[in-house]
Amino acid sequence: MTESTSFDYLTPDLVIAAVEAFFPIRLDGMVTPYASYVNRVYGLRTDDGDEYVAKFYRPGRWNRESILEEHRFLSELSAADVPVVAPLGDDDGDTLFEVEAEVEGEFEGGEDVTGGTDEPVYPFALFHKRGGRGFDAESDEDWMRLGSLVGRVHLVGEQADAPNRRVVDPDLWIRPFVTELVDDGVVHPDFSEEFQTLAMDGLDRITPLLNGVRRIRLHGDCHRGNILERGDEGLLLIDFDDMMTGPAVQDLWLLLPDHADECRREITMMLEGYEQFRPFDRRELQAIEGLRFMRMIHFLAWRARQRHDHWFARQFPDWGNRAFWLREVEDMKEQSRHF
């Protein structure tokens, strides 16, 4: 990723000006950044005390239609009373906007994500803020609640397609990342050949585990950090940025506290809750540890695409050095023993 597509020019003033340009609200000037590895997410508040969250998408990561598929999925889920937060629309019903940062100072706003400029263009959406506390499943009932939530999401997810989103497939999704990491010289040369061999051999073994498995629209990053407890309102599922098409188990295994062999009871309880809303194909369970292996490679790739951001360089100064890749290769070897 080049500097021109980083977030280095997304200033607090630009965030405020962008939101006020498209919505009839007056913000109080406070911009609170929230943790987000890929995008930039900010808490905002109006002079009247209403709270919002503005999500600025990393330029070049998704095209316009991909982002709108996320928004449509959220709107469909909200209409079905699934506990999510859908993006807000303007008077015309549009939910996706853009702001162009002029490197020397002011900005220009536009209604669509069009690109075609040398200046950084930041797509963004606005949401009502919905708070809550982190949810850690402890009892059988908690695990059933998690399964029920995912089942409700998938019941809506299977009703339409998302042709512009990633597909959970070793060949379509992960192999290009392996090639990119090696060919771009991201992997330390001492481990480049070993990494490539380990990754490709692992993907060869994962492919048959997913053959014949139905793929539907998913949350895609359904870990416990994206689930909030809202008291009497129940659980809330947030952050659909990694929405994808894939097997249902992709949205379940990330919730587990350990490898699948160590979590049989948790899996049983989740599936009991899940199947209150839709059936689950037990064949998908054999792919859990392979999917974990795929996620490890995916994580490396999108971190690599951020490595030129000034923020990333400050936060992770040792990312990509020899010691880093030694640990990564050893972790991949260990994971490959589980499938």
C-alpha atoms as a PDB file:
ATOM      1  CA  MET A   1       0.000   0.000   0.000  1.00  0.00           C
ATOM      2  CA  THR A   2       1.344   3.422  -0.911  1.00  0.00           C
ATOM      3  CA  GLU A   3       1.285   6.554   1.193  1.00  0.00           C
ATOM      4  CA  SER A   4      -1.404   8.099  -1.022  1.00  0.00           C
ATOM      5  CA  THR A   5      -3.929   5.467   0.064  1.00  0.00           C
ATOM      6  CA  SER A   6      -3.079   5.556   3.783  1.00  0.00           C
ATOM      7  CA  PHE A   7      -4.985   7.410   6.488  1.00  0.00           C
ATOM      8  CA  ASP A   8      -2.223   9.914   7.114  1.00  0.00           C
ATOM      9  CA  TYR A   9      -4.355  12.797   5.803  1.00  0.00           C
ATOM     10  CA  LEU A  10      -7.559  11.894   7.635  1.00  0.00           C
ATOM     11  CA  THR A  11      -7.537  14.571  10.330  1.00  0.00           C
ATOM     12  CA  PRO A  12     -10.159  15.201  13.058  1.00  0.00           C
ATOM     13  CA  ASP A  13     -11.212  18.396  11.284  1.00  0.00           C
ATOM     14  CA  LEU A  14     -11.726  16.471   8.070  1.00  0.00           C
ATOM     15  CA  VAL A  15     -13.811  13.840   9.882  1.00  0.00           C
ATOM     16  CA  ILE A  16     -16.112  16.484  11.348  1.00  0.00           C
ATOM     17  CA  ALA A  17     -16.414  18.438   8.101  1.00  0.00           C
ATOM     18  CA  ALA A  18     -17.189  15.285   6.121  1.00  0.00           C
ATOM     19  CA  VAL A  19     -20.037  14.175   8.387  1.00  0.00           C
ATOM     20  CA  GLU A  20     -21.563  17.656   8.639  1.00  0.00           C
ATOM     21  CA  ALA A  21     -21.427  18.007   4.846  1.00  0.00           C
ATOM     22  CA  PHE A  22     -23.853  15.122   4.331  1.00  0.00           C
ATOM     23  CA  PHE A  23     -26.027  15.056   7.452  1.00  0.00           C
ATOM     24  CA  PRO A  24     -28.079  17.846   9.046  1.00  0.00           C
ATOM     25  CA  ILE A  25     -26.263  17.645  12.371  1.00  0.00           C
ATOM     26  CA  ARG A  26     -23.886  19.930  14.213  1.00  0.00           C
ATOM     27  CA  LEU A  27     -21.039  18.159  16.002  1.00  0.00           C
ATOM     28  CA  ASP A  28     -19.467  19.431  19.216  1.00  0.00           C
ATOM     29  CA  GLY A  29     -15.915  19.129  17.890  1.00  0.00           C
ATOM     30  CA  MET A  30     -14.829  16.065  19.865  1.00  0.00           C
ATOM     31  CA  VAL A  31     -13.509  13.122  17.829  1.00  0.00           C
ATOM     32  CA  THR A  32     -12.849   9.897  19.737  1.00  0.00           C
ATOM     33  CA  PRO A  33     -10.840   7.267  17.816  1.00  0.00           C
ATOM     34  CA  TYR A  34     -11.821   3.634  18.375  1.00  0.00           C
ATOM     35  CA  ALA A  35      -9.527   0.657  17.915  1.00  0.00           C
ATOM     36  CA  SER A  36      -9.648  -0.574  14.328  1.00  0.00           C
ATOM     37  CA  TYR A  37      -6.779  -2.244  12.497  1.00  0.00           C
ATOM     38  CA  VAL A  38      -7.970  -1.762   8.931  1.00  0.00           C
ATOM     39  CA  ASN A  39     -10.353   1.195   8.816  1.00  0.00           C
ATOM     40  CA  ARG A  40     -10.624   4.311  10.952  1.00  0.00           C
ATOM     41  CA  VAL A  41     -13.606   4.516  13.286  1.00  0.00           C
ATOM     42  CA  TYR A  42     -14.508   7.576  15.353  1.00  0.00           C
ATOM     43  CA  GLY A  43     -17.026   8.417  18.047  1.00  0.00           C
ATOM     44  CA  LEU A  44     -18.818  11.718  17.481  1.00  0.00           C
ATOM     45  CA  ARG A  45     -21.360  13.725  19.439  1.00  0.00           C
ATOM     46  CA  THR A  46     -23.719  16.529  18.494  1.00  0.00           C
ATOM     47  CA  ASP A  47     -24.246  19.744  20.414  1.00  0.00           C
ATOM     48  CA  ASP A  48     -27.508  18.169  21.642  1.00  0.00           C
ATOM     49  CA  GLY A  49     -25.718  15.095  23.020  1.00  0.00           C
ATOM     50  CA  ASP A  50     -26.689  12.583  20.329  1.00  0.00           C
ATOM     51  CA  GLU A  51     -23.859  10.104  19.697  1.00  0.00           C
ATOM     52  CA  TYR A  52     -22.711   8.636  16.398  1.00  0.00           C
ATOM     53  CA  VAL A  53     -19.959   6.459  14.990  1.00  0.00           C
ATOM     54  CA  ALA A  54     -18.295   7.370  11.682  1.00  0.00           C
ATOM     55  CA  LYS A  55     -16.544   4.583   9.814  1.00  0.00           C
ATOM     56  CA  PHE A  56     -13.954   5.591   7.200  1.00  0.00           C
ATOM     57  CA  TYR A  57     -13.081   2.723   4.897  1.00  0.00           C
ATOM     58  CA  ARG A  58      -9.472   2.122   3.919  1.00  0.00           C
ATOM     59  CA  PRO A  59      -9.095   3.501   0.364  1.00  0.00           C
ATOM     60  CA  GLY A  60      -8.611   0.805  -2.239  1.00  0.00           C
ATOM     61  CA  ARG A  61      -9.628  -2.095  -0.017  1.00  0.00           C
ATOM     62  CA  TRP A  62     -13.235  -2.403  -1.188  1.00  0.00           C
ATOM     63  CA  ASN A  63     -14.939  -1.018  -4.237  1.00  0.00           C
ATOM     64  CA  ARG A  64     -18.240   0.831  -3.986  1.00  0.00           C
ATOM     65  CA  GLU A  65     -20.440  -2.183  -4.689  1.00  0.00           C
ATOM     66  CA  SER A  66     -18.628  -4.289  -2.095  1.00  0.00           C
ATOM     67  CA  ILE A  67     -19.291  -1.710   0.608  1.00  0.00           C
ATOM     68  CA  LEU A  68     -22.918  -1.348  -0.441  1.00  0.00           C
ATOM     69  CA  GLU A  69     -23.347  -5.118  -0.129  1.00  0.00           C
ATOM     70  CA  GLU A  70     -22.264  -4.792   3.494  1.00  0.00           C
ATOM     71  CA  HIS A  71     -24.793  -1.987   3.974  1.00  0.00           C
ATOM     72  CA  ARG A  72     -27.601  -3.955   2.303  1.00  0.00           C
ATOM     73  CA  PHE A  73     -26.891  -6.975   4.478  1.00  0.00           C
ATOM     74  CA  LEU A  74     -27.005  -4.818   7.613  1.00  0.00           C
ATOM     75  CA  SER A  75     -30.272  -3.228   6.508  1.00  0.00           C
ATOM     76  CA  GLU A  76     -31.814  -6.637   5.826  1.00  0.00           C
ATOM     77  CA  LEU A  77     -30.676  -7.916   9.215  1.00  0.00           C
ATOM     78  CA  SER A  78     -32.062  -4.856  10.967  1.00  0.00           C
ATOM     79  CA  ALA A  79     -35.391  -5.253   9.153  1.00  0.00           C
ATOM     80  CA  ALA A  80     -35.515  -8.851  10.408  1.00  0.00           C
ATOM     81  CA  ASP A  81     -34.933  -7.629  13.993  1.00  0.00           C
ATOM     82  CA  VAL A  82     -31.466  -9.164  14.187  1.00  0.00           C
ATOM     83  CA  PRO A  83     -29.480  -7.033  16.674  1.00  0.00           C
ATOM     84  CA  VAL A  84     -27.066  -5.089  14.442  1.00  0.00           C
ATOM     85  CA  VAL A  85     -26.464  -1.404  13.692  1.00  0.00           C
ATOM     86  CA  ALA A  86     -27.373  -0.410  10.133  1.00  0.00           C
ATOM     87  CA  PRO A  87     -25.791   2.635   8.439  1.00  0.00           C
ATOM     88  CA  LEU A  88     -27.739   5.883   8.347  1.00  0.00           C
ATOM     89  CA  GLY A  89     -29.014   7.215   5.056  1.00  0.00           C
ATOM     90  CA  ASP A  90     -29.298  10.786   3.829  1.00  0.00           C
ATOM     91  CA  ASP A  91     -32.482  12.314   2.445  1.00  0.00           C
ATOM     92  CA  ASP A  92     -32.041  10.267  -0.744  1.00  0.00           C
ATOM     93  CA  GLY A  93     -31.453   7.017   1.121  1.00  0.00           C
ATOM     94  CA  ASP A  94     -27.746   6.899   0.283  1.00  0.00           C
ATOM     95  CA  THR A  95     -25.577   5.317   2.970  1.00  0.00           C
ATOM     96  CA  LEU A  96     -22.103   5.593   1.430  1.00  0.00           C
ATOM     97  CA  PHE A  97     -20.273   8.883   1.009  1.00  0.00           C
ATOM     98  CA  GLU A  98     -16.780  10.130   0.286  1.00  0.00           C
ATOM     99  CA  VAL A  99     -14.517  12.948   1.292  1.00  0.00           C
ATOM    100  CA  GLU A 100     -11.404  14.048  -0.562  1.00  0.00           C
ATOM    101  CA  ALA A 101      -8.443  15.275   1.451  1.00  0.00           C
ATOM    102  CA  GLU A 102      -6.390  18.023  -0.079  1.00  0.00           C
ATOM    103  CA  VAL A 103      -2.865  17.418   1.154  1.00  0.00           C
ATOM    104  CA  GLU A 104      -2.203  21.160   1.435  1.00  0.00           C
ATOM    105  CA  GLY A 105      -5.317  21.988   3.435  1.00  0.00           C
ATOM    106  CA  GLU A 106      -9.018  22.040   2.675  1.00  0.00           C
ATOM    107  CA  PHE A 107     -11.271  19.216   1.553  1.00  0.00           C
ATOM    108  CA  GLU A 108     -13.944  18.636  -1.009  1.00  0.00           C
ATOM    109  CA  GLY A 109     -16.961  16.419  -0.459  1.00  0.00           C
ATOM    110  CA  GLY A 110     -18.746  14.308  -3.041  1.00  0.00           C
ATOM    111  CA  GLU A 111     -21.820  12.149  -3.052  1.00  0.00           C
ATOM    112  CA  ASP A 112     -20.343   8.959  -4.432  1.00  0.00           C
ATOM    113  CA  VAL A 113     -17.240   6.825  -4.067  1.00  0.00           C
ATOM    114  CA  THR A 114     -15.723   7.516  -7.449  1.00  0.00           C
ATOM    115  CA  GLY A 115     -11.951   7.753  -7.013  1.00  0.00           C
ATOM    116  CA  GLY A 116     -10.072   9.091 -10.016  1.00  0.00           C
ATOM    117  CA  THR A 117      -7.985  11.627  -8.113  1.00  0.00           C
ATOM    118  CA  ASP A 118      -4.403  11.966  -6.945  1.00  0.00           C
ATOM    119  CA  GLU A 119      -5.587  13.152  -3.531  1.00  0.00           C
ATOM    120  CA  PRO A 120      -6.656  10.620  -0.871  1.00  0.00           C
ATOM    121  CA  VAL A 121     -10.385   9.861  -1.123  1.00  0.00           C
ATOM    122  CA  TYR A 122     -11.993   8.347   1.950  1.00  0.00           C
ATOM    123  CA  PRO A 123     -15.312   6.464   1.688  1.00  0.00           C
ATOM    124  CA  PHE A 124     -17.332   6.637   4.898  1.00  0.00           C
ATOM    125  CA  ALA A 125     -20.636   5.791   6.553  1.00  0.00           C
ATOM    126  CA  LEU A 126     -22.390   7.026   9.681  1.00  0.00           C
ATOM    127  CA  PHE A 127     -24.066   4.926  12.368  1.00  0.00           C
ATOM    128  CA  HIS A 128     -25.938   5.569  15.591  1.00  0.00           C
ATOM    129  CA  LYS A 129     -23.706   4.702  18.520  1.00  0.00           C
ATOM    130  CA  ARG A 130     -24.809   1.597  20.412  1.00  0.00           C
ATOM    131  CA  GLY A 131     -22.746   0.867  23.482  1.00  0.00           C
ATOM    132  CA  GLY A 132     -22.485  -2.259  25.583  1.00  0.00           C
ATOM    133  CA  ARG A 133     -20.065  -4.345  27.560  1.00  0.00           C
ATOM    134  CA  GLY A 134     -17.927  -7.200  26.308  1.00  0.00           C
ATOM    135  CA  PHE A 135     -19.557 -10.615  26.415  1.00  0.00           C
ATOM    136  CA  ASP A 136     -17.628 -13.661  27.606  1.00  0.00           C
ATOM    137  CA  ALA A 137     -19.530 -16.915  27.354  1.00  0.00           C
ATOM    138  CA  GLU A 138     -19.235 -18.917  30.563  1.00  0.00           C
ATOM    139  CA  SER A 139     -22.333 -21.090  30.907  1.00  0.00           C
ATOM    140  CA  ASP A 140     -24.021 -23.488  28.494  1.00  0.00           C
ATOM    141  CA  GLU A 141     -26.792 -20.921  28.148  1.00  0.00           C
ATOM    142  CA  ASP A 142     -24.257 -18.282  27.076  1.00  0.00           C
ATOM    143  CA  TRP A 143     -22.930 -20.547  24.326  1.00  0.00           C
ATOM    144  CA  MET A 144     -26.468 -21.255  23.161  1.00  0.00           C
ATOM    145  CA  ARG A 145     -27.121 -17.507  22.996  1.00  0.00           C
ATOM    146  CA  LEU A 146     -24.078 -17.058  20.772  1.00  0.00           C
ATOM    147  CA  GLY A 147     -25.209 -19.872  18.506  1.00  0.00           C
ATOM    148  CA  SER A 148     -28.707 -18.417  18.294  1.00  0.00           C
ATOM    149  CA  LEU A 149     -27.333 -15.017  17.312  1.00  0.00           C
ATOM    150  CA  VAL A 150     -25.231 -16.485  14.507  1.00  0.00           C
ATOM    151  CA  GLY A 151     -28.133 -18.644  13.356  1.00  0.00           C
ATOM    152  CA  ARG A 152     -30.371 -15.588  13.044  1.00  0.00           C
ATOM    153  CA  VAL A 153     -27.693 -13.812  10.988  1.00  0.00           C
ATOM    154  CA  HIS A 154     -27.317 -16.789   8.663  1.00  0.00           C
ATOM    155  CA  LEU A 155     -31.066 -17.188   8.229  1.00  0.00           C
ATOM    156  CA  VAL A 156     -31.030 -13.756   6.590  1.00  0.00           C
ATOM    157  CA  GLY A 157     -27.647 -14.324   4.986  1.00  0.00           C
ATOM    158  CA  GLU A 158     -28.807 -17.282   2.927  1.00  0.00           C
ATOM    159  CA  GLN A 159     -31.635 -15.302   1.338  1.00  0.00           C
ATOM    160  CA  ALA A 160     -29.445 -13.352  -1.107  1.00  0.00           C
ATOM    161  CA  ASP A 161     -25.955 -13.345  -2.593  1.00  0.00           C
ATOM    162  CA  ALA A 162     -22.999 -10.973  -2.270  1.00  0.00           C
ATOM    163  CA  PRO A 163     -21.090 -11.461  -5.538  1.00  0.00           C
ATOM    164  CA  ASN A 164     -18.628  -8.649  -4.827  1.00  0.00           C
ATOM    165  CA  ARG A 165     -17.449  -9.914  -1.451  1.00  0.00           C
ATOM    166  CA  ARG A 166     -14.643 -12.370  -0.709  1.00  0.00           C
ATOM    167  CA  VAL A 167     -15.359 -16.086  -0.813  1.00  0.00           C
ATOM    168  CA  VAL A 168     -13.982 -18.403   1.874  1.00  0.00           C
ATOM    169  CA  ASP A 169     -11.990 -20.529  -0.524  1.00  0.00           C
ATOM    170  CA  PRO A 170      -8.271 -21.414  -0.261  1.00  0.00           C
ATOM    171  CA  ASP A 171      -7.636 -20.845  -3.957  1.00  0.00           C
ATOM    172  CA  LEU A 172      -9.697 -17.695  -4.500  1.00  0.00           C
ATOM    173  CA  TRP A 173      -8.934 -15.973  -1.226  1.00  0.00           C
ATOM    174  CA  ILE A 174      -5.689 -17.089   0.401  1.00  0.00           C
ATOM    175  CA  ARG A 175      -3.304 -18.346  -2.311  1.00  0.00           C
ATOM    176  CA  PRO A 176      -3.045 -14.857  -3.865  1.00  0.00           C
ATOM    177  CA  PHE A 177      -2.067 -13.518  -0.440  1.00  0.00           C
ATOM    178  CA  VAL A 178       0.754 -16.064  -0.169  1.00  0.00           C
ATOM    179  CA  THR A 179       2.065 -15.063  -3.586  1.00  0.00           C
ATOM    180  CA  GLU A 180       1.777 -11.372  -2.725  1.00  0.00           C
ATOM    181  CA  LEU A 181       3.686 -11.738   0.542  1.00  0.00           C
ATOM    182  CA  VAL A 182       6.504 -13.650  -1.141  1.00  0.00           C
ATOM    183  CA  ASP A 183       6.747 -11.774  -4.430  1.00  0.00           C
ATOM    184  CA  ASP A 184       6.609  -8.350  -2.778  1.00  0.00           C
ATOM    185  CA  GLY A 185       9.493  -9.290  -0.504  1.00  0.00           C
ATOM    186  CA  VAL A 186       7.427  -8.934   2.674  1.00  0.00           C
ATOM    187  CA  VAL A 187       8.551 -12.300   4.051  1.00  0.00           C
ATOM    188  CA  HIS A 188      12.102 -12.190   5.361  1.00  0.00           C
ATOM    189  CA  PRO A 189      14.378 -13.877   2.784  1.00  0.00           C
ATOM    190  CA  ASP A 190      15.590 -16.391   5.367  1.00  0.00           C
ATOM    191  CA  PHE A 191      12.054 -17.808   5.595  1.00  0.00           C
ATOM    192  CA  SER A 192      10.512 -16.996   2.222  1.00  0.00           C
ATOM    193  CA  GLU A 193      10.800 -20.475   0.689  1.00  0.00           C
ATOM    194  CA  GLU A 194       9.772 -22.248   3.892  1.00  0.00           C
ATOM    195  CA  PHE A 195       6.770 -19.955   4.348  1.00  0.00           C
ATOM    196  CA  GLN A 196       5.575 -20.469   0.784  1.00  0.00           C
ATOM    197  CA  THR A 197       5.922 -24.254   0.948  1.00  0.00           C
ATOM    198  CA  LEU A 198       4.217 -24.479   4.325  1.00  0.00           C
ATOM    199  CA  ALA A 199       1.358 -22.230   3.253  1.00  0.00           C
ATOM    200  CA  MET A 200       0.703 -23.869  -0.108  1.00  0.00           C
ATOM    201  CA  ASP A 201       0.878 -27.411   1.295  1.00  0.00           C
ATOM    202  CA  GLY A 202      -1.578 -26.433   4.031  1.00  0.00           C
ATOM    203  CA  LEU A 203      -4.005 -24.920   1.542  1.00  0.00           C
ATOM    204  CA  ASP A 204      -3.817 -28.079  -0.564  1.00  0.00           C
ATOM    205  CA  ARG A 205      -5.037 -30.051   2.452  1.00  0.00           C
ATOM    206  CA  ILE A 206      -7.785 -27.584   3.312  1.00  0.00           C
ATOM    207  CA  THR A 207      -9.402 -27.512  -0.134  1.00  0.00           C
ATOM    208  CA  PRO A 208     -11.062 -30.959   0.057  1.00  0.00           C
ATOM    209  CA  LEU A 209     -12.434 -30.139   3.520  1.00  0.00           C
ATOM    210  CA  LEU A 210     -14.592 -27.426   1.960  1.00  0.00           C
ATOM    211  CA  ASN A 211     -15.689 -29.271  -1.168  1.00  0.00           C
ATOM    212  CA  GLY A 212     -19.454 -29.502  -1.442  1.00  0.00           C
ATOM    213  CA  VAL A 213     -20.085 -27.144   1.478  1.00  0.00           C
ATOM    214  CA  ARG A 214     -22.779 -24.520   0.948  1.00  0.00           C
ATOM    215  CA  ARG A 215     -21.597 -20.915   1.085  1.00  0.00           C
ATOM    216  CA  ILE A 216     -23.817 -18.090   2.325  1.00  0.00           C
ATOM    217  CA  ARG A 217     -23.397 -14.463   3.388  1.00  0.00           C
ATOM    218  CA  LEU A 218     -21.531 -14.263   6.695  1.00  0.00           C
ATOM    219  CA  HIS A 219     -20.391 -11.715   9.235  1.00  0.00           C
ATOM    220  CA  GLY A 220     -16.861 -12.908   8.422  1.00  0.00           C
ATOM    221  CA  ASP A 221     -15.070 -11.699  11.567  1.00  0.00           C
ATOM    222  CA  CYS A 222     -17.370 -13.054  14.248  1.00  0.00           C
ATOM    223  CA  HIS A 223     -15.097 -13.066  17.285  1.00  0.00           C
ATOM    224  CA  ARG A 224     -16.129 -12.094  20.802  1.00  0.00           C
ATOM    225  CA  GLY A 225     -14.704  -8.593  20.441  1.00  0.00           C
ATOM    226  CA  ASN A 226     -17.490  -7.870  17.960  1.00  0.00           C
ATOM    227  CA  ILE A 227     -20.282  -8.963  20.298  1.00  0.00           C
ATOM    228  CA  LEU A 228     -21.644  -6.650  22.989  1.00  0.00           C
ATOM    229  CA  GLU A 229     -24.049  -7.334  25.840  1.00  0.00           C
ATOM    230  CA  ARG A 230     -26.739  -4.658  26.160  1.00  0.00           C
ATOM    231  CA  GLY A 231     -28.526  -5.712  29.316  1.00  0.00           C
ATOM    232  CA  ASP A 232     -32.217  -6.361  28.742  1.00  0.00           C
ATOM    233  CA  GLU A 233     -31.756  -5.838  24.993  1.00  0.00           C
ATOM    234  CA  GLY A 234     -29.496  -8.899  24.737  1.00  0.00           C
ATOM    235  CA  LEU A 235     -26.502  -9.342  22.449  1.00  0.00           C
ATOM    236  CA  LEU A 236     -25.465  -6.937  19.686  1.00  0.00           C
ATOM    237  CA  LEU A 237     -23.270  -7.935  16.728  1.00  0.00           C
ATOM    238  CA  ILE A 238     -21.075  -5.155  15.311  1.00  0.00           C
ATOM    239  CA  ASP A 239     -18.426  -4.542  12.605  1.00  0.00           C
ATOM    240  CA  PHE A 240     -19.464  -6.243   9.358  1.00  0.00           C
ATOM    241  CA  ASP A 241     -16.478  -4.850   7.454  1.00  0.00           C
ATOM    242  CA  ASP A 242     -15.181  -8.364   6.699  1.00  0.00           C
ATOM    243  CA  MET A 243     -18.564  -9.625   5.524  1.00  0.00           C
ATOM    244  CA  MET A 244     -17.935 -12.501   3.120  1.00  0.00           C
ATOM    245  CA  THR A 245     -19.479 -15.567   1.515  1.00  0.00           C
ATOM    246  CA  GLY A 246     -18.534 -18.914   2.996  1.00  0.00           C
ATOM    247  CA  PRO A 247     -19.496 -21.919   5.121  1.00  0.00           C
ATOM    248  CA  ALA A 248     -21.568 -21.256   8.223  1.00  0.00           C
ATOM    249  CA  VAL A 249     -18.831 -22.595  10.486  1.00  0.00           C
ATOM    250  CA  GLN A 250     -16.654 -19.569   9.627  1.00  0.00           C
ATOM    251  CA  ASP A 251     -18.858 -17.459  11.913  1.00  0.00           C
ATOM    252  CA  LEU A 252     -18.751 -20.014  14.727  1.00  0.00           C
ATOM    253  CA  TRP A 253     -15.164 -21.169  15.155  1.00  0.00           C
ATOM    254  CA  LEU A 254     -13.788 -17.712  15.963  1.00  0.00           C
ATOM    255  CA  LEU A 255     -15.947 -17.694  19.094  1.00  0.00           C
ATOM    256  CA  LEU A 256     -14.222 -20.777  20.500  1.00  0.00           C
ATOM    257  CA  PRO A 257     -11.674 -20.333  23.322  1.00  0.00           C
ATOM    258  CA  ASP A 258      -9.334 -23.051  22.008  1.00  0.00           C
ATOM    259  CA  HIS A 259      -8.833 -25.585  19.224  1.00  0.00           C
ATOM    260  CA  ALA A 260     -11.913 -27.532  18.186  1.00  0.00           C
ATOM    261  CA  ASP A 261     -10.817 -30.768  19.892  1.00  0.00           C
ATOM    262  CA  GLU A 262     -10.719 -28.902  23.198  1.00  0.00           C
ATOM    263  CA  CYS A 263     -14.107 -27.221  22.743  1.00  0.00           C
ATOM    264  CA  ARG A 264     -16.554 -30.011  22.006  1.00  0.00           C
ATOM    265  CA  ARG A 265     -19.050 -28.939  24.648  1.00  0.00           C
ATOM    266  CA  GLU A 266     -18.975 -25.314  23.539  1.00  0.00           C
ATOM    267  CA  ILE A 267     -19.551 -26.433  19.940  1.00  0.00           C
ATOM    268  CA  THR A 268     -22.453 -28.638  20.995  1.00  0.00           C
ATOM    269  CA  MET A 269     -24.122 -25.795  22.883  1.00  0.00           C
ATOM    270  CA  MET A 270     -23.591 -23.289  20.076  1.00  0.00           C
ATOM    271  CA  LEU A 271     -25.103 -25.637  17.535  1.00  0.00           C
ATOM    272  CA  GLU A 272     -28.079 -26.269  19.785  1.00  0.00           C
ATOM    273  CA  GLY A 273     -28.783 -22.551  19.779  1.00  0.00           C
ATOM    274  CA  TYR A 274     -27.949 -22.184  16.093  1.00  0.00           C
ATOM    275  CA  GLU A 275     -30.328 -24.903  14.961  1.00  0.00           C
ATOM    276  CA  GLN A 276     -33.261 -23.168  16.578  1.00  0.00           C
ATOM    277  CA  PHE A 277     -33.145 -20.986  13.460  1.00  0.00           C
ATOM    278  CA  ARG A 278     -31.549 -23.000  10.645  1.00  0.00           C
ATOM    279  CA  PRO A 279     -29.962 -26.447  10.175  1.00  0.00           C
ATOM    280  CA  PHE A 280     -26.192 -26.873  10.352  1.00  0.00           C
ATOM    281  CA  ASP A 281     -24.161 -29.250   8.197  1.00  0.00           C
ATOM    282  CA  ARG A 282     -21.908 -31.166  10.634  1.00  0.00           C
ATOM    283  CA  ARG A 283     -19.390 -31.833   7.853  1.00  0.00           C
ATOM    284  CA  GLU A 284     -18.267 -28.227   8.194  1.00  0.00           C
ATOM    285  CA  LEU A 285     -16.752 -28.903  11.624  1.00  0.00           C
ATOM    286  CA  GLN A 286     -13.808 -30.744  10.072  1.00  0.00           C
ATOM    287  CA  ALA A 287     -12.695 -27.510   8.416  1.00  0.00           C
ATOM    288  CA  ILE A 288     -12.335 -25.432  11.613  1.00  0.00           C
ATOM    289  CA  GLU A 289      -8.576 -25.754  12.094  1.00  0.00           C
ATOM    290  CA  GLY A 290      -7.926 -25.319   8.393  1.00  0.00           C
ATOM    291  CA  LEU A 291      -9.944 -22.104   8.481  1.00  0.00           C
ATOM    292  CA  ARG A 292      -7.829 -20.957  11.414  1.00  0.00           C
ATOM    293  CA  PHE A 293      -4.716 -21.582   9.289  1.00  0.00           C
ATOM    294  CA  MET A 294      -6.219 -19.533   6.462  1.00  0.00           C
ATOM    295  CA  ARG A 295      -6.984 -16.665   8.817  1.00  0.00           C
ATOM    296  CA  MET A 296      -3.371 -16.575   9.965  1.00  0.00           C
ATOM    297  CA  ILE A 297      -2.243 -15.950   6.384  1.00  0.00           C
ATOM    298  CA  HIS A 298      -5.016 -13.434   5.769  1.00  0.00           C
ATOM    299  CA  PHE A 299      -3.998 -11.533   8.913  1.00  0.00           C
ATOM    300  CA  LEU A 300      -0.391 -11.350   7.710  1.00  0.00           C
ATOM    301  CA  ALA A 301      -1.455 -10.054   4.313  1.00  0.00           C
ATOM    302  CA  TRP A 302      -3.650  -7.210   5.428  1.00  0.00           C
ATOM    303  CA  ARG A 303      -1.141  -6.181   8.073  1.00  0.00           C
ATOM    304  CA  ALA A 304       1.461  -6.099   5.303  1.00  0.00           C
ATOM    305  CA  ARG A 305      -0.744  -3.744   3.315  1.00  0.00           C
ATOM    306  CA  GLN A 306      -0.764  -1.309   6.240  1.00  0.00           C
ATOM    307  CA  ARG A 307       2.965  -1.391   6.924  1.00  0.00           C
ATOM    308  CA  HIS A 308       3.630   1.960   5.219  1.00  0.00           C
ATOM    309  CA  ASP A 309       1.087   3.836   7.347  1.00  0.00           C
ATOM    310  CA  HIS A 310       2.840   6.135   9.805  1.00  0.00           C
ATOM    311  CA  TRP A 311       0.441   4.979  12.543  1.00  0.00           C
ATOM    312  CA  PHE A 312       1.197   1.321  11.891  1.00  0.00           C
ATOM    313  CA  ALA A 313       4.949   1.872  11.842  1.00  0.00           C
ATOM    314  CA  ARG A 314       4.773   3.600  15.211  1.00  0.00           C
ATOM    315  CA  GLN A 315       2.579   0.940  16.787  1.00  0.00           C
ATOM    316  CA  PHE A 316       4.447  -2.086  15.402  1.00  0.00           C
ATOM    317  CA  PRO A 317       8.089  -1.091  14.820  1.00  0.00           C
ATOM    318  CA  ASP A 318       9.295  -4.705  14.754  1.00  0.00           C
ATOM    319  CA  TRP A 319       6.663  -5.980  12.339  1.00  0.00           C
ATOM    320  CA  GLY A 320       8.286  -7.871   9.475  1.00  0.00           C
ATOM    321  CA  ASN A 321      11.788  -8.283  10.865  1.00  0.00           C
ATOM    322  CA  ARG A 322      13.593 -11.607  11.035  1.00  0.00           C
ATOM    323  CA  ALA A 323      12.450 -12.453  14.558  1.00  0.00           C
ATOM    324  CA  PHE A 324       8.857 -11.690  13.578  1.00  0.00           C
ATOM    325  CA  TRP A 325       8.902 -14.103  10.632  1.00  0.00           C
ATOM    326  CA  LEU A 326      10.628 -16.791  12.677  1.00  0.00           C
ATOM    327  CA  ARG A 327       7.696 -16.707  15.120  1.00  0.00           C
ATOM    328  CA  GLU A 328       5.105 -16.646  12.350  1.00  0.00           C
ATOM    329  CA  VAL A 329       6.535 -19.641  10.548  1.00  0.00           C
ATOM    330  CA  GLU A 330       6.743 -21.615  13.783  1.00  0.00           C
ATOM    331  CA  ASP A 331       3.129 -20.731  14.611  1.00  0.00           C
ATOM    332  CA  MET A 332       2.014 -21.874  11.165  1.00  0.00           C
ATOM    333  CA  LYS A 333       3.856 -25.160  11.588  1.00  0.00           C
ATOM    334  CA  GLU A 334       2.104 -25.734  14.892  1.00  0.00           C
ATOM    335  CA  GLN A 335      -1.315 -24.887  13.455  1.00  0.00           C
ATOM    336  CA  SER A 336      -0.794 -27.156  10.454  1.00  0.00           C
ATOM    337  CA  ARG A 337      -0.565 -30.113  12.857  1.00  0.00           C
ATOM    338  CA  HIS A 338      -4.200 -29.600  13.848  1.00  0.00           C
ATOM    339  CA  PHE A 339      -5.761 -30.440  10.477  1.00  0.00           C
END
